[in-house]
Structure formats: C-alpha cells, structure tokens
C-alpha cells in the first residue's frame, strides 16, 4: 500500500454503491470514513465541489492520502472511502492527522 497503486484503488461504481449502502461509516469534523472489512484492501478518496475549486479538492485528497500512508500496512484489509467535508480546508495537517488517528483507533481498524 506504499503508493496506492492500481491494485489498492477502489474505482468501480458498483463497489462505491455497495460500500455506501452496506458499509459502516464514521464522521469527523473534516471527513467521513466508509468501510467494510474484506480479504483485500481497496481505498478511495473523494472531495466534492462543496470543498472548492479543483486545486482545493486535489489538496484535500493529497492530504488525506499522505496521512493514510503514514499508517503503512497497519490498517486491516477492507474497502475504504474517505469523503472530505468542507472544514478540511481550514484544518491544519496536524489536526487532520489527529482526526484520522482518532477515527482509525475508535473503529479498531489497526491490525
């Protein structure tokens, strides 16, 4: 999972729909995490136009991706979608990292 190559990306509409409907979710101030434990790991980062223009959306996705990569191979296998909320623009990288740490530990997603 070191660079999120194709094998680790969640990208089909079918997978997104299934995860949104039947997966569990957790809300923080800056993002919503949807997850469903599976035999393999697949991850997606979403930032809608509510976040802002393309530059701001890409920044939000890059920040979420960078923070998740700090967990390296410590996260349990499953399908994950991280959806950015509008306040993500105003949060520092450290605040965002604390949100991720709290959510992942609270949901017991560490191996």
C-alpha atoms as a PDB file:
ATOM      1  CA  UNK A   1       0.000   0.000   0.000  1.00  0.00           C
ATOM      2  CA  UNK A   2       3.039   2.230  -0.071  1.00  0.00           C
ATOM      3  CA  UNK A   3       1.984   4.362  -3.043  1.00  0.00           C
ATOM      4  CA  UNK A   4      -1.625   3.278  -3.628  1.00  0.00           C
ATOM      5  CA  UNK A   5      -1.035   1.530  -6.925  1.00  0.00           C
ATOM      6  CA  UNK A   6      -3.959   0.342  -9.051  1.00  0.00           C
ATOM      7  CA  UNK A   7      -4.429  -2.851  -7.089  1.00  0.00           C
ATOM      8  CA  UNK A   8      -5.246  -0.826  -3.962  1.00  0.00           C
ATOM      9  CA  UNK A   9      -7.698   1.624  -5.560  1.00  0.00           C
ATOM     10  CA  UNK A  10     -11.434   1.378  -5.211  1.00  0.00           C
ATOM     11  CA  UNK A  11     -12.758   2.688  -8.515  1.00  0.00           C
ATOM     12  CA  UNK A  12     -15.889   0.952  -9.824  1.00  0.00           C
ATOM     13  CA  UNK A  13     -19.320   2.470  -9.329  1.00  0.00           C
ATOM     14  CA  UNK A  14     -20.573  -0.916  -8.135  1.00  0.00           C
ATOM     15  CA  UNK A  15     -18.003  -1.004  -5.317  1.00  0.00           C
ATOM     16  CA  UNK A  16     -18.781   2.582  -4.277  1.00  0.00           C
ATOM     17  CA  UNK A  17     -22.543   1.938  -4.210  1.00  0.00           C
ATOM     18  CA  UNK A  18     -22.171  -1.267  -2.232  1.00  0.00           C
ATOM     19  CA  UNK A  19     -19.916   0.402   0.322  1.00  0.00           C
ATOM     20  CA  UNK A  20     -22.174   3.451   0.722  1.00  0.00           C
ATOM     21  CA  UNK A  21     -25.244   1.219   1.240  1.00  0.00           C
ATOM     22  CA  UNK A  22     -23.950  -1.659   3.350  1.00  0.00           C
ATOM     23  CA  UNK A  23     -20.685  -0.396   4.824  1.00  0.00           C
ATOM     24  CA  UNK A  24     -20.234   1.262   8.181  1.00  0.00           C
ATOM     25  CA  UNK A  25     -19.426   4.953   8.462  1.00  0.00           C
ATOM     26  CA  UNK A  26     -17.721   7.307  10.887  1.00  0.00           C
ATOM     27  CA  UNK A  27     -17.968  11.098  10.800  1.00  0.00           C
ATOM     28  CA  UNK A  28     -15.294  13.516  11.954  1.00  0.00           C
ATOM     29  CA  UNK A  29     -15.102  17.285  11.615  1.00  0.00           C
ATOM     30  CA  UNK A  30     -13.130  17.069   8.378  1.00  0.00           C
ATOM     31  CA  UNK A  31     -14.113  13.805   6.668  1.00  0.00           C
ATOM     32  CA  UNK A  32     -16.442  10.812   6.617  1.00  0.00           C
ATOM     33  CA  UNK A  33     -14.972   7.317   6.522  1.00  0.00           C
ATOM     34  CA  UNK A  34     -16.949   4.466   4.969  1.00  0.00           C
ATOM     35  CA  UNK A  35     -15.555   0.978   5.435  1.00  0.00           C
ATOM     36  CA  UNK A  36     -16.324  -2.695   5.095  1.00  0.00           C
ATOM     37  CA  UNK A  37     -13.780  -5.345   6.089  1.00  0.00           C
ATOM     38  CA  UNK A  38     -12.821  -7.612   3.161  1.00  0.00           C
ATOM     39  CA  UNK A  39      -9.997 -10.066   2.303  1.00  0.00           C
ATOM     40  CA  UNK A  40      -8.144  -7.399   0.265  1.00  0.00           C
ATOM     41  CA  UNK A  41      -7.594  -3.688   0.792  1.00  0.00           C
ATOM     42  CA  UNK A  42      -9.008  -1.049  -1.572  1.00  0.00           C
ATOM     43  CA  UNK A  43      -9.117   2.680  -0.851  1.00  0.00           C
ATOM     44  CA  UNK A  44     -10.708   5.771  -2.429  1.00  0.00           C
ATOM     45  CA  UNK A  45     -10.500   9.463  -1.555  1.00  0.00           C
ATOM     46  CA  UNK A  46     -13.393  11.734  -2.543  1.00  0.00           C
ATOM     47  CA  UNK A  47     -13.660  15.518  -2.468  1.00  0.00           C
ATOM     48  CA  UNK A  48     -16.832  17.024  -3.922  1.00  0.00           C
ATOM     49  CA  UNK A  49     -17.295  20.505  -5.336  1.00  0.00           C
ATOM     50  CA  UNK A  50     -18.510  21.596  -1.888  1.00  0.00           C
ATOM     51  CA  UNK A  51     -14.826  21.658  -0.932  1.00  0.00           C
ATOM     52  CA  UNK A  52     -13.967  24.287  -3.523  1.00  0.00           C
ATOM     53  CA  UNK A  53     -12.228  24.512  -6.862  1.00  0.00           C
ATOM     54  CA  UNK A  54     -10.055  21.769  -8.353  1.00  0.00           C
ATOM     55  CA  UNK A  55      -6.923  22.964  -6.574  1.00  0.00           C
ATOM     56  CA  UNK A  56      -8.599  22.776  -3.148  1.00  0.00           C
ATOM     57  CA  UNK A  57     -10.180  19.384  -3.900  1.00  0.00           C
ATOM     58  CA  UNK A  58      -6.844  17.940  -5.017  1.00  0.00           C
ATOM     59  CA  UNK A  59      -5.140  19.347  -1.918  1.00  0.00           C
ATOM     60  CA  UNK A  60      -7.763  17.704   0.308  1.00  0.00           C
ATOM     61  CA  UNK A  61      -7.281  14.336  -1.428  1.00  0.00           C
ATOM     62  CA  UNK A  62      -3.477  14.597  -1.283  1.00  0.00           C
ATOM     63  CA  UNK A  63      -3.543  15.415   2.423  1.00  0.00           C
ATOM     64  CA  UNK A  64      -5.873  12.508   3.232  1.00  0.00           C
ATOM     65  CA  UNK A  65      -3.731  10.148   1.135  1.00  0.00           C
ATOM     66  CA  UNK A  66      -0.495  11.320   2.794  1.00  0.00           C
ATOM     67  CA  UNK A  67      -1.912  10.792   6.267  1.00  0.00           C
ATOM     68  CA  UNK A  68      -3.242   7.351   5.441  1.00  0.00           C
ATOM     69  CA  UNK A  69       0.146   6.323   4.032  1.00  0.00           C
ATOM     70  CA  UNK A  70       1.704   7.031   7.440  1.00  0.00           C
ATOM     71  CA  UNK A  71      -0.227   4.020   8.720  1.00  0.00           C
ATOM     72  CA  UNK A  72       1.503   1.934   6.007  1.00  0.00           C
ATOM     73  CA  UNK A  73       0.463  -1.733   6.440  1.00  0.00           C
ATOM     74  CA  UNK A  74      -1.100  -1.322   9.880  1.00  0.00           C
ATOM     75  CA  UNK A  75      -4.699  -0.988   8.654  1.00  0.00           C
ATOM     76  CA  UNK A  76      -6.923  -4.054   8.396  1.00  0.00           C
ATOM     77  CA  UNK A  77      -7.894  -5.274   4.933  1.00  0.00           C
ATOM     78  CA  UNK A  78     -11.158  -3.929   3.585  1.00  0.00           C
ATOM     79  CA  UNK A  79     -12.772  -1.371   1.328  1.00  0.00           C
ATOM     80  CA  UNK A  80     -12.437   2.243   2.463  1.00  0.00           C
ATOM     81  CA  UNK A  81     -13.808   5.529   1.149  1.00  0.00           C
ATOM     82  CA  UNK A  82     -12.712   8.795   2.742  1.00  0.00           C
ATOM     83  CA  UNK A  83     -15.011  11.699   1.811  1.00  0.00           C
ATOM     84  CA  UNK A  84     -13.715  15.187   2.583  1.00  0.00           C
ATOM     85  CA  UNK A  85     -16.025  17.710   4.275  1.00  0.00           C
ATOM     86  CA  UNK A  86     -15.842  21.477   3.713  1.00  0.00           C
ATOM     87  CA  UNK A  87     -14.000  22.242   7.009  1.00  0.00           C
ATOM     88  CA  UNK A  88     -10.998  20.249   5.766  1.00  0.00           C
ATOM     89  CA  UNK A  89      -9.787  23.425   4.030  1.00  0.00           C
ATOM     90  CA  UNK A  90      -9.388  25.257   7.329  1.00  0.00           C
ATOM     91  CA  UNK A  91      -7.771  22.462   9.321  1.00  0.00           C
ATOM     92  CA  UNK A  92      -4.030  22.110   9.693  1.00  0.00           C
ATOM     93  CA  UNK A  93      -2.254  18.933   8.685  1.00  0.00           C
ATOM     94  CA  UNK A  94      -1.748  18.015  12.360  1.00  0.00           C
ATOM     95  CA  UNK A  95      -5.447  18.481  13.174  1.00  0.00           C
ATOM     96  CA  UNK A  96      -6.353  16.324  10.191  1.00  0.00           C
ATOM     97  CA  UNK A  97      -3.868  13.662  11.297  1.00  0.00           C
ATOM     98  CA  UNK A  98      -5.419  13.670  14.786  1.00  0.00           C
ATOM     99  CA  UNK A  99      -8.863  13.144  13.202  1.00  0.00           C
ATOM    100  CA  UNK A 100      -7.535  10.160  11.236  1.00  0.00           C
ATOM    101  CA  UNK A 101      -5.762   8.715  14.282  1.00  0.00           C
ATOM    102  CA  UNK A 102      -8.890   9.033  16.397  1.00  0.00           C
ATOM    103  CA  UNK A 103     -11.200   7.562  13.752  1.00  0.00           C
ATOM    104  CA  UNK A 104      -8.975   4.591  12.937  1.00  0.00           C
ATOM    105  CA  UNK A 105      -8.377   3.744  16.581  1.00  0.00           C
ATOM    106  CA  UNK A 106     -12.038   4.259  17.519  1.00  0.00           C
ATOM    107  CA  UNK A 107     -13.163   1.952  14.711  1.00  0.00           C
ATOM    108  CA  UNK A 108     -10.496  -0.613  15.655  1.00  0.00           C
ATOM    109  CA  UNK A 109      -9.127  -0.719  12.113  1.00  0.00           C
ATOM    110  CA  UNK A 110      -5.497  -1.314  13.093  1.00  0.00           C
ATOM    111  CA  UNK A 111      -4.069  -4.821  12.725  1.00  0.00           C
END
